[in-house]
PDB file of N, CA and C in Angstrom:
ATOM      1  N   MET A   1       0.834  -1.174   0.000  1.00  0.00           N
ATOM      2  CA  MET A   1       0.000   0.000   0.000  1.00  0.00           C
ATOM      3  C   MET A   1       0.884   1.245   0.000  1.00  0.00           C
ATOM      4  N   ASN A   2       0.510   2.223  -0.795  1.00  0.00           N
ATOM      5  CA  ASN A   2       1.244   3.474  -0.854  1.00  0.00           C
ATOM      6  C   ASN A   2       0.960   4.300   0.388  1.00  0.00           C
ATOM      7  N   HIS A   3       1.917   5.065   0.788  1.00  0.00           N
ATOM      8  CA  HIS A   3       1.740   5.966   1.911  1.00  0.00           C
ATOM      9  C   HIS A   3       2.423   7.279   1.581  1.00  0.00           C
ATOM     10  N   LYS A   4       2.114   8.283   2.355  1.00  0.00           N
ATOM     11  CA  LYS A   4       2.629   9.608   2.071  1.00  0.00           C
ATOM     12  C   LYS A   4       3.797   9.948   2.974  1.00  0.00           C
ATOM     13  N   LYS A   5       4.615  10.841   2.466  1.00  0.00           N
ATOM     14  CA  LYS A   5       5.697  11.432   3.244  1.00  0.00           C
ATOM     15  C   LYS A   5       5.425  12.920   3.321  1.00  0.00           C
ATOM     16  N   LEU A   6       5.620  13.477   4.489  1.00  0.00           N
ATOM     17  CA  LEU A   6       5.497  14.910   4.683  1.00  0.00           C
ATOM     18  C   LEU A   6       6.902  15.478   4.863  1.00  0.00           C
ATOM     19  N   PHE A   7       7.194  16.540   4.165  1.00  0.00           N
ATOM     20  CA  PHE A   7       8.487  17.197   4.267  1.00  0.00           C
ATOM     21  C   PHE A   7       8.281  18.527   4.991  1.00  0.00           C
ATOM     22  N   ILE A   8       8.760  18.603   6.221  1.00  0.00           N
ATOM     23  CA  ILE A   8       8.713  19.852   6.982  1.00  0.00           C
ATOM     24  C   ILE A   8       9.999  20.594   6.652  1.00  0.00           C
ATOM     25  N   GLN A   9       9.858  21.764   6.078  1.00  0.00           N
ATOM     26  CA  GLN A   9      11.014  22.527   5.627  1.00  0.00           C
ATOM     27  C   GLN A   9      11.450  23.530   6.690  1.00  0.00           C
ATOM     28  N   GLY A  10      12.748  23.675   6.862  1.00  0.00           N
ATOM     29  CA  GLY A  10      13.302  24.561   7.865  1.00  0.00           C
ATOM     30  C   GLY A  10      13.457  26.000   7.412  1.00  0.00           C
ATOM     31  N   ILE A  11      12.559  26.451   6.574  1.00  0.00           N
ATOM     32  CA  ILE A  11      12.494  27.846   6.142  1.00  0.00           C
ATOM     33  C   ILE A  11      11.107  28.347   6.526  1.00  0.00           C
ATOM     34  N   THR A  12      11.033  29.397   7.332  1.00  0.00           N
ATOM     35  CA  THR A  12       9.727  29.891   7.761  1.00  0.00           C
ATOM     36  C   THR A  12       8.966  30.468   6.577  1.00  0.00           C
ATOM     37  N   ASN A  13       7.682  30.651   6.766  1.00  0.00           N
ATOM     38  CA  ASN A  13       6.858  31.246   5.715  1.00  0.00           C
ATOM     39  C   ASN A  13       7.352  32.645   5.350  1.00  0.00           C
ATOM     40  N   ALA A  14       8.101  33.289   6.260  1.00  0.00           N
ATOM     41  CA  ALA A  14       8.683  34.604   5.988  1.00  0.00           C
ATOM     42  C   ALA A  14      10.003  34.496   5.223  1.00  0.00           C
ATOM     43  N   GLY A  15      10.441  33.258   4.917  1.00  0.00           N
ATOM     44  CA  GLY A  15      11.663  33.053   4.133  1.00  0.00           C
ATOM     45  C   GLY A  15      12.943  33.026   4.936  1.00  0.00           C
ATOM     46  N   LYS A  16      12.854  32.959   6.257  1.00  0.00           N
ATOM     47  CA  LYS A  16      14.042  32.945   7.108  1.00  0.00           C
ATOM     48  C   LYS A  16      14.342  31.528   7.576  1.00  0.00           C
ATOM     49  N   PRO A  17      15.633  31.185   7.712  1.00  0.00           N
ATOM     50  CA  PRO A  17      15.975  29.859   8.243  1.00  0.00           C
ATOM     51  C   PRO A  17      15.430  29.704   9.659  1.00  0.00           C
ATOM     52  N   PHE A  18      14.865  28.537   9.934  1.00  0.00           N
ATOM     53  CA  PHE A  18      14.333  28.267  11.270  1.00  0.00           C
ATOM     54  C   PHE A  18      15.490  28.009  12.220  1.00  0.00           C
ATOM     55  N   ARG A  19      15.367  28.524  13.411  1.00  0.00           N
ATOM     56  CA  ARG A  19      16.387  28.366  14.446  1.00  0.00           C
ATOM     57  C   ARG A  19      15.777  27.672  15.650  1.00  0.00           C
ATOM     58  N   PRO A  20      16.556  26.921  16.397  1.00  0.00           N
ATOM     59  CA  PRO A  20      17.995  26.746  16.296  1.00  0.00           C
ATOM     60  C   PRO A  20      18.363  25.878  15.097  1.00  0.00           C
ATOM     61  N   SER A  21      19.616  25.940  14.728  1.00  0.00           N
ATOM     62  CA  SER A  21      20.051  25.237  13.519  1.00  0.00           C
ATOM     63  C   SER A  21      19.921  23.719  13.634  1.00  0.00           C
ATOM     64  N   ASP A  22      19.856  23.185  14.839  1.00  0.00           N
ATOM     65  CA  ASP A  22      19.716  21.736  15.017  1.00  0.00           C
ATOM     66  C   ASP A  22      18.271  21.322  15.293  1.00  0.00           C
ATOM     67  N   TRP A  23      17.310  22.136  14.879  1.00  0.00           N
ATOM     68  CA  TRP A  23      15.893  21.864  15.153  1.00  0.00           C
ATOM     69  C   TRP A  23      15.469  20.505  14.624  1.00  0.00           C
ATOM     70  N   ALA A  24      15.955  20.115  13.435  1.00  0.00           N
ATOM     71  CA  ALA A  24      15.527  18.853  12.823  1.00  0.00           C
ATOM     72  C   ALA A  24      16.001  17.658  13.657  1.00  0.00           C
ATOM     73  N   GLU A  25      17.238  17.710  14.109  1.00  0.00           N
ATOM     74  CA  GLU A  25      17.761  16.626  14.942  1.00  0.00           C
ATOM     75  C   GLU A  25      17.016  16.556  16.271  1.00  0.00           C
ATOM     76  N   ARG A  26      16.682  17.710  16.832  1.00  0.00           N
ATOM     77  CA  ARG A  26      15.933  17.729  18.094  1.00  0.00           C
ATOM     78  C   ARG A  26      14.538  17.129  17.922  1.00  0.00           C
ATOM     79  N   LEU A  27      13.852  17.554  16.858  1.00  0.00           N
ATOM     80  CA  LEU A  27      12.509  17.019  16.607  1.00  0.00           C
ATOM     81  C   LEU A  27      12.566  15.512  16.378  1.00  0.00           C
ATOM     82  N   CYS A  28      13.520  15.071  15.577  1.00  0.00           N
ATOM     83  CA  CYS A  28      13.633  13.626  15.315  1.00  0.00           C
ATOM     84  C   CYS A  28      14.057  12.860  16.561  1.00  0.00           C
ATOM     85  N   GLY A  29      14.827  13.495  17.427  1.00  0.00           N
ATOM     86  CA  GLY A  29      15.188  12.865  18.692  1.00  0.00           C
ATOM     87  C   GLY A  29      13.975  12.631  19.573  1.00  0.00           C
ATOM     88  N   VAL A  30      13.067  13.607  19.602  1.00  0.00           N
ATOM     89  CA  VAL A  30      11.827  13.458  20.368  1.00  0.00           C
ATOM     90  C   VAL A  30      10.993  12.311  19.806  1.00  0.00           C
ATOM     91  N   MET A  31      11.025  12.145  18.486  1.00  0.00           N
ATOM     92  CA  MET A  31      10.199  11.127  17.831  1.00  0.00           C
ATOM     93  C   MET A  31      10.875   9.753  17.755  1.00  0.00           C
ATOM     94  N   ALA A  32      12.089   9.627  18.258  1.00  0.00           N
ATOM     95  CA  ALA A  32      12.881   8.397  18.095  1.00  0.00           C
ATOM     96  C   ALA A  32      12.232   7.158  18.699  1.00  0.00           C
ATOM     97  N   THR A  33      11.391   7.309  19.696  1.00  0.00           N
ATOM     98  CA  THR A  33      10.785   6.131  20.322  1.00  0.00           C
ATOM     99  C   THR A  33       9.645   5.543  19.498  1.00  0.00           C
ATOM    100  N   PHE A  34       9.156   6.279  18.501  1.00  0.00           N
ATOM    101  CA  PHE A  34       8.060   5.777  17.666  1.00  0.00           C
ATOM    102  C   PHE A  34       8.636   4.921  16.555  1.00  0.00           C
ATOM    103  N   ARG A  35       8.465   3.615  16.701  1.00  0.00           N
ATOM    104  CA  ARG A  35       9.072   2.650  15.787  1.00  0.00           C
ATOM    105  C   ARG A  35       8.062   1.584  15.392  1.00  0.00           C
ATOM    106  N   PRO A  36       8.238   1.016  14.221  1.00  0.00           N
ATOM    107  CA  PRO A  36       7.337  -0.068  13.827  1.00  0.00           C
ATOM    108  C   PRO A  36       7.547  -1.297  14.712  1.00  0.00           C
ATOM    109  N   PRO A  37       6.516  -2.126  14.835  1.00  0.00           N
ATOM    110  CA  PRO A  37       6.667  -3.353  15.616  1.00  0.00           C
ATOM    111  C   PRO A  37       7.854  -4.178  15.114  1.00  0.00           C
ATOM    112  N   GLY A  38       8.641  -4.662  16.049  1.00  0.00           N
ATOM    113  CA  GLY A  38       9.787  -5.499  15.702  1.00  0.00           C
ATOM    114  C   GLY A  38      11.058  -4.729  15.403  1.00  0.00           C
ATOM    115  N   ASP A  39      11.005  -3.409  15.346  1.00  0.00           N
ATOM    116  CA  ASP A  39      12.204  -2.601  15.093  1.00  0.00           C
ATOM    117  C   ASP A  39      13.106  -2.693  16.312  1.00  0.00           C
ATOM    118  N   ALA A  40      14.330  -3.121  16.098  1.00  0.00           N
ATOM    119  CA  ALA A  40      15.257  -3.329  17.208  1.00  0.00           C
ATOM    120  C   ALA A  40      16.191  -2.139  17.421  1.00  0.00           C
ATOM    121  N   GLY A  41      15.986  -1.047  16.688  1.00  0.00           N
ATOM    122  CA  GLY A  41      16.854   0.119  16.842  1.00  0.00           C
ATOM    123  C   GLY A  41      16.730   0.720  18.229  1.00  0.00           C
ATOM    124  N   ASP A  42      17.823   1.201  18.750  1.00  0.00           N
ATOM    125  CA  ASP A  42      17.847   1.817  20.070  1.00  0.00           C
ATOM    126  C   ASP A  42      17.540   3.305  19.919  1.00  0.00           C
ATOM    127  N   PRO A  43      16.407   3.798  20.465  1.00  0.00           N
ATOM    128  CA  PRO A  43      16.040   5.197  20.291  1.00  0.00           C
ATOM    129  C   PRO A  43      17.043   6.186  20.897  1.00  0.00           C
ATOM    130  N   ARG A  44      17.965   5.692  21.711  1.00  0.00           N
ATOM    131  CA  ARG A  44      19.003   6.583  22.240  1.00  0.00           C
ATOM    132  C   ARG A  44      20.067   6.881  21.191  1.00  0.00           C
ATOM    133  N   PHE A  45      20.146   6.035  20.151  1.00  0.00           N
ATOM    134  CA  PHE A  45      21.227   6.174  19.176  1.00  0.00           C
ATOM    135  C   PHE A  45      20.763   6.301  17.731  1.00  0.00           C
ATOM    136  N   THR A  46      19.510   5.997  17.459  1.00  0.00           N
ATOM    137  CA  THR A  46      19.021   6.045  16.078  1.00  0.00           C
ATOM    138  C   THR A  46      17.678   6.764  16.017  1.00  0.00           C
ATOM    139  N   TYR A  47      17.404   7.350  14.870  1.00  0.00           N
ATOM    140  CA  TYR A  47      16.118   8.003  14.658  1.00  0.00           C
ATOM    141  C   TYR A  47      15.063   6.977  14.288  1.00  0.00           C
ATOM    142  N   SER A  48      13.835   7.331  14.505  1.00  0.00           N
ATOM    143  CA  SER A  48      12.713   6.509  14.069  1.00  0.00           C
ATOM    144  C   SER A  48      12.665   6.512  12.543  1.00  0.00           C
ATOM    145  N   PRO A  49      12.264   5.414  11.923  1.00  0.00           N
ATOM    146  CA  PRO A  49      12.087   5.443  10.468  1.00  0.00           C
ATOM    147  C   PRO A  49      10.915   6.333  10.053  1.00  0.00           C
ATOM    148  N   TYR A  50      10.109   6.780  11.009  1.00  0.00           N
ATOM    149  CA  TYR A  50       8.972   7.642  10.709  1.00  0.00           C
ATOM    150  C   TYR A  50       9.310   9.128  10.738  1.00  0.00           C
ATOM    151  N   ALA A  51      10.470   9.500  11.261  1.00  0.00           N
ATOM    152  CA  ALA A  51      10.872  10.913  11.346  1.00  0.00           C
ATOM    153  C   ALA A  51      12.382  10.996  11.155  1.00  0.00           C
ATOM    154  N   THR A  52      12.785  11.538  10.008  1.00  0.00           N
ATOM    155  CA  THR A  52      14.196  11.534   9.639  1.00  0.00           C
ATOM    156  C   THR A  52      14.649  12.927   9.208  1.00  0.00           C
ATOM    157  N   PRO A  53      15.759  13.414   9.771  1.00  0.00           N
ATOM    158  CA  PRO A  53      16.278  14.702   9.309  1.00  0.00           C
ATOM    159  C   PRO A  53      17.027  14.527   7.991  1.00  0.00           C
ATOM    160  N   VAL A  54      16.842  15.465   7.077  1.00  0.00           N
ATOM    161  CA  VAL A  54      17.538  15.447   5.784  1.00  0.00           C
ATOM    162  C   VAL A  54      17.835  16.888   5.378  1.00  0.00           C
ATOM    163  N   VAL A  55      18.750  17.034   4.428  1.00  0.00           N
ATOM    164  CA  VAL A  55      19.009  18.335   3.819  1.00  0.00           C
ATOM    165  C   VAL A  55      18.687  18.187   2.341  1.00  0.00           C
ATOM    166  N   ILE A  56      17.784  19.047   1.858  1.00  0.00           N
ATOM    167  CA  ILE A  56      17.368  19.032   0.458  1.00  0.00           C
ATOM    168  C   ILE A  56      17.593  20.426  -0.099  1.00  0.00           C
ATOM    169  N   ALA A  57      18.429  20.534  -1.127  1.00  0.00           N
ATOM    170  CA  ALA A  57      18.741  21.831  -1.752  1.00  0.00           C
ATOM    171  C   ALA A  57      19.174  22.854  -0.702  1.00  0.00           C
ATOM    172  N   ASN A  58      20.055  22.434   0.183  1.00  0.00           N
ATOM    173  CA  ASN A  58      20.602  23.278   1.250  1.00  0.00           C
ATOM    174  C   ASN A  58      19.567  23.748   2.267  1.00  0.00           C
ATOM    175  N   VAL A  59      18.427  23.090   2.337  1.00  0.00           N
ATOM    176  CA  VAL A  59      17.400  23.403   3.325  1.00  0.00           C
ATOM    177  C   VAL A  59      17.251  22.202   4.252  1.00  0.00           C
ATOM    178  N   THR A  60      17.400  22.435   5.546  1.00  0.00           N
ATOM    179  CA  THR A  60      17.187  21.374   6.523  1.00  0.00           C
ATOM    180  C   THR A  60      15.701  21.047   6.574  1.00  0.00           C
ATOM    181  N   CYS A  61      15.392  19.762   6.497  1.00  0.00           N
ATOM    182  CA  CYS A  61      14.005  19.301   6.502  1.00  0.00           C
ATOM    183  C   CYS A  61      13.882  18.094   7.428  1.00  0.00           C
ATOM    184  N   VAL A  62      12.649  17.785   7.778  1.00  0.00           N
ATOM    185  CA  VAL A  62      12.340  16.529   8.459  1.00  0.00           C
ATOM    186  C   VAL A  62      11.314  15.815   7.601  1.00  0.00           C
ATOM    187  N   VAL A  63      11.612  14.558   7.283  1.00  0.00           N
ATOM    188  CA  VAL A  63      10.686  13.738   6.513  1.00  0.00           C
ATOM    189  C   VAL A  63       9.881  12.901   7.496  1.00  0.00           C
ATOM    190  N   ILE A  64       8.564  13.065   7.423  1.00  0.00           N
ATOM    191  CA  ILE A  64       7.656  12.325   8.299  1.00  0.00           C
ATOM    192  C   ILE A  64       6.908  11.301   7.463  1.00  0.00           C
ATOM    193  N   ASP A  65       6.972  10.057   7.865  1.00  0.00           N
ATOM    194  CA  ASP A  65       6.220   8.989   7.214  1.00  0.00           C
ATOM    195  C   ASP A  65       4.835   8.949   7.859  1.00  0.00           C
ATOM    196  N   THR A  66       3.779   9.101   7.052  1.00  0.00           N
ATOM    197  CA  THR A  66       2.430   9.179   7.616  1.00  0.00           C
ATOM    198  C   THR A  66       1.953   7.865   8.234  1.00  0.00           C
ATOM    199  N   ARG A  67       2.707   6.789   8.074  1.00  0.00           N
ATOM    200  CA  ARG A  67       2.357   5.555   8.788  1.00  0.00           C
ATOM    201  C   ARG A  67       2.486   5.747  10.296  1.00  0.00           C
ATOM    202  N   LEU A  68       3.120   6.852  10.699  1.00  0.00           N
ATOM    203  CA  LEU A  68       3.191   7.203  12.109  1.00  0.00           C
ATOM    204  C   LEU A  68       1.793   7.291  12.710  1.00  0.00           C
ATOM    205  N   ARG A  69       0.818   7.724  11.911  1.00  0.00           N
ATOM    206  CA  ARG A  69      -0.575   7.827  12.379  1.00  0.00           C
ATOM    207  C   ARG A  69      -1.096   6.461  12.836  1.00  0.00           C
ATOM    208  N   ASP A  70      -0.711   5.393  12.144  1.00  0.00           N
ATOM    209  CA  ASP A  70      -1.170   4.052  12.521  1.00  0.00           C
ATOM    210  C   ASP A  70      -0.624   3.642  13.886  1.00  0.00           C
ATOM    211  N   LEU A  71       0.576   4.097  14.185  1.00  0.00           N
ATOM    212  CA  LEU A  71       1.209   3.756  15.456  1.00  0.00           C
ATOM    213  C   LEU A  71       0.639   4.605  16.596  1.00  0.00           C
ATOM    214  N   ASP A  72       0.540   5.926  16.360  1.00  0.00           N
ATOM    215  CA  ASP A  72       0.001   6.830  17.371  1.00  0.00           C
ATOM    216  C   ASP A  72      -0.430   8.128  16.687  1.00  0.00           C
ATOM    217  N   PRO A  73      -1.723   8.319  16.501  1.00  0.00           N
ATOM    218  CA  PRO A  73      -2.204   9.526  15.817  1.00  0.00           C
ATOM    219  C   PRO A  73      -1.742  10.823  16.487  1.00  0.00           C
ATOM    220  N   ARG A  74      -1.557  10.787  17.796  1.00  0.00           N
ATOM    221  CA  ARG A  74      -1.105  11.994  18.503  1.00  0.00           C
ATOM    222  C   ARG A  74       0.313  12.382  18.105  1.00  0.00           C
ATOM    223  N   ALA A  75       1.136  11.403  17.776  1.00  0.00           N
ATOM    224  CA  ALA A  75       2.513  11.694  17.367  1.00  0.00           C
ATOM    225  C   ALA A  75       2.524  12.438  16.034  1.00  0.00           C
ATOM    226  N   LEU A  76       1.688  12.003  15.096  1.00  0.00           N
ATOM    227  CA  LEU A  76       1.609  12.708  13.817  1.00  0.00           C
ATOM    228  C   LEU A  76       1.042  14.105  14.021  1.00  0.00           C
ATOM    229  N   ASP A  77       0.016  14.227  14.846  1.00  0.00           N
ATOM    230  CA  ASP A  77      -0.536  15.551  15.149  1.00  0.00           C
ATOM    231  C   ASP A  77       0.527  16.460  15.765  1.00  0.00           C
ATOM    232  N   PHE A  78       1.366  15.907  16.616  1.00  0.00           N
ATOM    233  CA  PHE A  78       2.412  16.689  17.268  1.00  0.00           C
ATOM    234  C   PHE A  78       3.357  17.312  16.245  1.00  0.00           C
ATOM    235  N   VAL A  79       3.860  16.509  15.303  1.00  0.00           N
ATOM    236  CA  VAL A  79       4.823  17.058  14.340  1.00  0.00           C
ATOM    237  C   VAL A  79       4.159  18.044  13.377  1.00  0.00           C
ATOM    238  N   ILE A  80       2.922  17.779  12.997  1.00  0.00           N
ATOM    239  CA  ILE A  80       2.209  18.718  12.123  1.00  0.00           C
ATOM    240  C   ILE A  80       1.961  20.030  12.851  1.00  0.00           C
ATOM    241  N   ASN A  81       1.538  19.956  14.105  1.00  0.00           N
ATOM    242  CA  ASN A  81       1.316  21.175  14.880  1.00  0.00           C
ATOM    243  C   ASN A  81       2.618  21.918  15.164  1.00  0.00           C
ATOM    244  N   PHE A  82       3.714  21.184  15.339  1.00  0.00           N
ATOM    245  CA  PHE A  82       5.020  21.825  15.499  1.00  0.00           C
ATOM    246  C   PHE A  82       5.326  22.682  14.283  1.00  0.00           C
ATOM    247  N   ALA A  83       5.132  22.114  13.106  1.00  0.00           N
ATOM    248  CA  ALA A  83       5.399  22.860  11.873  1.00  0.00           C
ATOM    249  C   ALA A  83       4.485  24.077  11.758  1.00  0.00           C
ATOM    250  N   LYS A  84       3.205  23.885  12.005  1.00  0.00           N
ATOM    251  CA  LYS A  84       2.248  24.995  11.903  1.00  0.00           C
ATOM    252  C   LYS A  84       2.556  26.094  12.922  1.00  0.00           C
ATOM    253  N   ASP A  85       2.821  25.699  14.167  1.00  0.00           N
ATOM    254  CA  ASP A  85       3.095  26.669  15.226  1.00  0.00           C
ATOM    255  C   ASP A  85       4.344  27.505  14.931  1.00  0.00           C
ATOM    256  N   ASN A  86       5.287  26.917  14.181  1.00  0.00           N
ATOM    257  CA  ASN A  86       6.534  27.605  13.875  1.00  0.00           C
ATOM    258  C   ASN A  86       6.579  28.146  12.442  1.00  0.00           C
ATOM    259  N   CYS A  87       5.419  28.157  11.786  1.00  0.00           N
ATOM    260  CA  CYS A  87       5.288  28.704  10.420  1.00  0.00           C
ATOM    261  C   CYS A  87       6.238  28.033   9.432  1.00  0.00           C
ATOM    262  N   LEU A  88       6.372  26.715   9.544  1.00  0.00           N
ATOM    263  CA  LEU A  88       7.226  25.948   8.644  1.00  0.00           C
ATOM    264  C   LEU A  88       6.366  25.272   7.584  1.00  0.00           C
ATOM    265  N   PRO A  89       6.717  25.425   6.318  1.00  0.00           N
ATOM    266  CA  PRO A  89       5.932  24.787   5.260  1.00  0.00           C
ATOM    267  C   PRO A  89       6.018  23.267   5.333  1.00  0.00           C
ATOM    268  N   ILE A  90       4.921  22.632   4.977  1.00  0.00           N
ATOM    269  CA  ILE A  90       4.855  21.175   4.893  1.00  0.00           C
ATOM    270  C   ILE A  90       4.493  20.823   3.459  1.00  0.00           C
ATOM    271  N   GLU A  91       5.334  20.027   2.821  1.00  0.00           N
ATOM    272  CA  GLU A  91       5.053  19.538   1.470  1.00  0.00           C
ATOM    273  C   GLU A  91       4.739  18.052   1.577  1.00  0.00           C
ATOM    274  N   GLU A  92       3.855  17.598   0.728  1.00  0.00           N
ATOM    275  CA  GLU A  92       3.426  16.204   0.752  1.00  0.00           C
ATOM    276  C   GLU A  92       3.916  15.503  -0.513  1.00  0.00           C
ATOM    277  N   ALA A  93       4.348  14.275  -0.335  1.00  0.00           N
ATOM    278  CA  ALA A  93       4.770  13.455  -1.471  1.00  0.00           C
ATOM    279  C   ALA A  93       4.284  12.034  -1.231  1.00  0.00           C
ATOM    280  N   CYS A  94       4.108  11.304  -2.289  1.00  0.00           N
ATOM    281  CA  CYS A  94       3.701   9.901  -2.194  1.00  0.00           C
ATOM    282  C   CYS A  94       4.901   9.013  -2.422  1.00  0.00           C
ATOM    283  N   GLU A  95       4.909   7.914  -1.748  1.00  0.00           N
ATOM    284  CA  GLU A  95       5.920   6.897  -2.011  1.00  0.00           C
ATOM    285  C   GLU A  95       5.233   5.803  -2.801  1.00  0.00           C
ATOM    286  N   PHE A  96       5.911   5.316  -3.798  1.00  0.00           N
ATOM    287  CA  PHE A  96       5.295   4.283  -4.614  1.00  0.00           C
ATOM    288  C   PHE A  96       6.309   3.191  -4.884  1.00  0.00           C
ATOM    289  N   GLU A  97       5.773   2.050  -5.169  1.00  0.00           N
ATOM    290  CA  GLU A  97       6.608   0.903  -5.490  1.00  0.00           C
ATOM    291  C   GLU A  97       7.019   0.994  -6.954  1.00  0.00           C
ATOM    292  N   PRO A  98       8.299   0.896  -7.248  1.00  0.00           N
ATOM    293  CA  PRO A  98       8.708   0.933  -8.650  1.00  0.00           C
ATOM    294  C   PRO A  98       8.185  -0.300  -9.378  1.00  0.00           C
ATOM    295  N   LYS A  99       7.784  -0.090 -10.607  1.00  0.00           N
ATOM    296  CA  LYS A  99       7.302  -1.210 -11.425  1.00  0.00           C
ATOM    297  C   LYS A  99       8.500  -1.993 -11.916  1.00  0.00           C
ATOM    298  N   SER A 100       8.339  -3.293 -11.941  1.00  0.00           N
ATOM    299  CA  SER A 100       9.422  -4.102 -12.487  1.00  0.00           C
ATOM    300  C   SER A 100       9.349  -4.020 -13.997  1.00  0.00           C
ATOM    301  N   HIS A 101      10.505  -3.923 -14.596  1.00  0.00           N
ATOM    302  CA  HIS A 101      10.572  -3.835 -16.048  1.00  0.00           C
ATOM    303  C   HIS A 101      10.810  -5.230 -16.609  1.00  0.00           C
ATOM    304  N   SER A 102       9.978  -5.599 -17.516  1.00  0.00           N
ATOM    305  CA  SER A 102      10.148  -6.905 -18.152  1.00  0.00           C
ATOM    306  C   SER A 102      11.259  -6.827 -19.175  1.00  0.00           C
ATOM    307  N   GLN A 103      12.079  -7.814 -19.139  1.00  0.00           N
ATOM    308  CA  GLN A 103      13.150  -7.897 -20.140  1.00  0.00           C
ATOM    309  C   GLN A 103      12.627  -8.633 -21.353  1.00  0.00           C
ATOM    310  N   PRO A 104      12.821  -8.047 -22.560  1.00  0.00           N
ATOM    311  CA  PRO A 104      12.331  -8.751 -23.774  1.00  0.00           C
ATOM    312  C   PRO A 104      13.112 -10.007 -24.053  1.00  0.00           C
TER     313      PRO A 104
END
């Protein structure tokens, strides 16, 4: 099943970089305990697969996997409200399974 990814961008709606500069790592650190069943990652040392800091075109972002809602709807609400409260744009993208190419 396809699911969506939300990209929280570290540029405010006013066009200024969001501060502090480590905001993405802090947010992902808070979300580190939210993991899929059976995930053996240690939240003290690794990020959750549902919230990952990335840099895209020199903009710090956090990628949120919307499957987080299945685990805990409040966690997804928290990150969305964080972005809204701090005037950070949220872009949505779909993840899809690549089609296998048949070899002639």
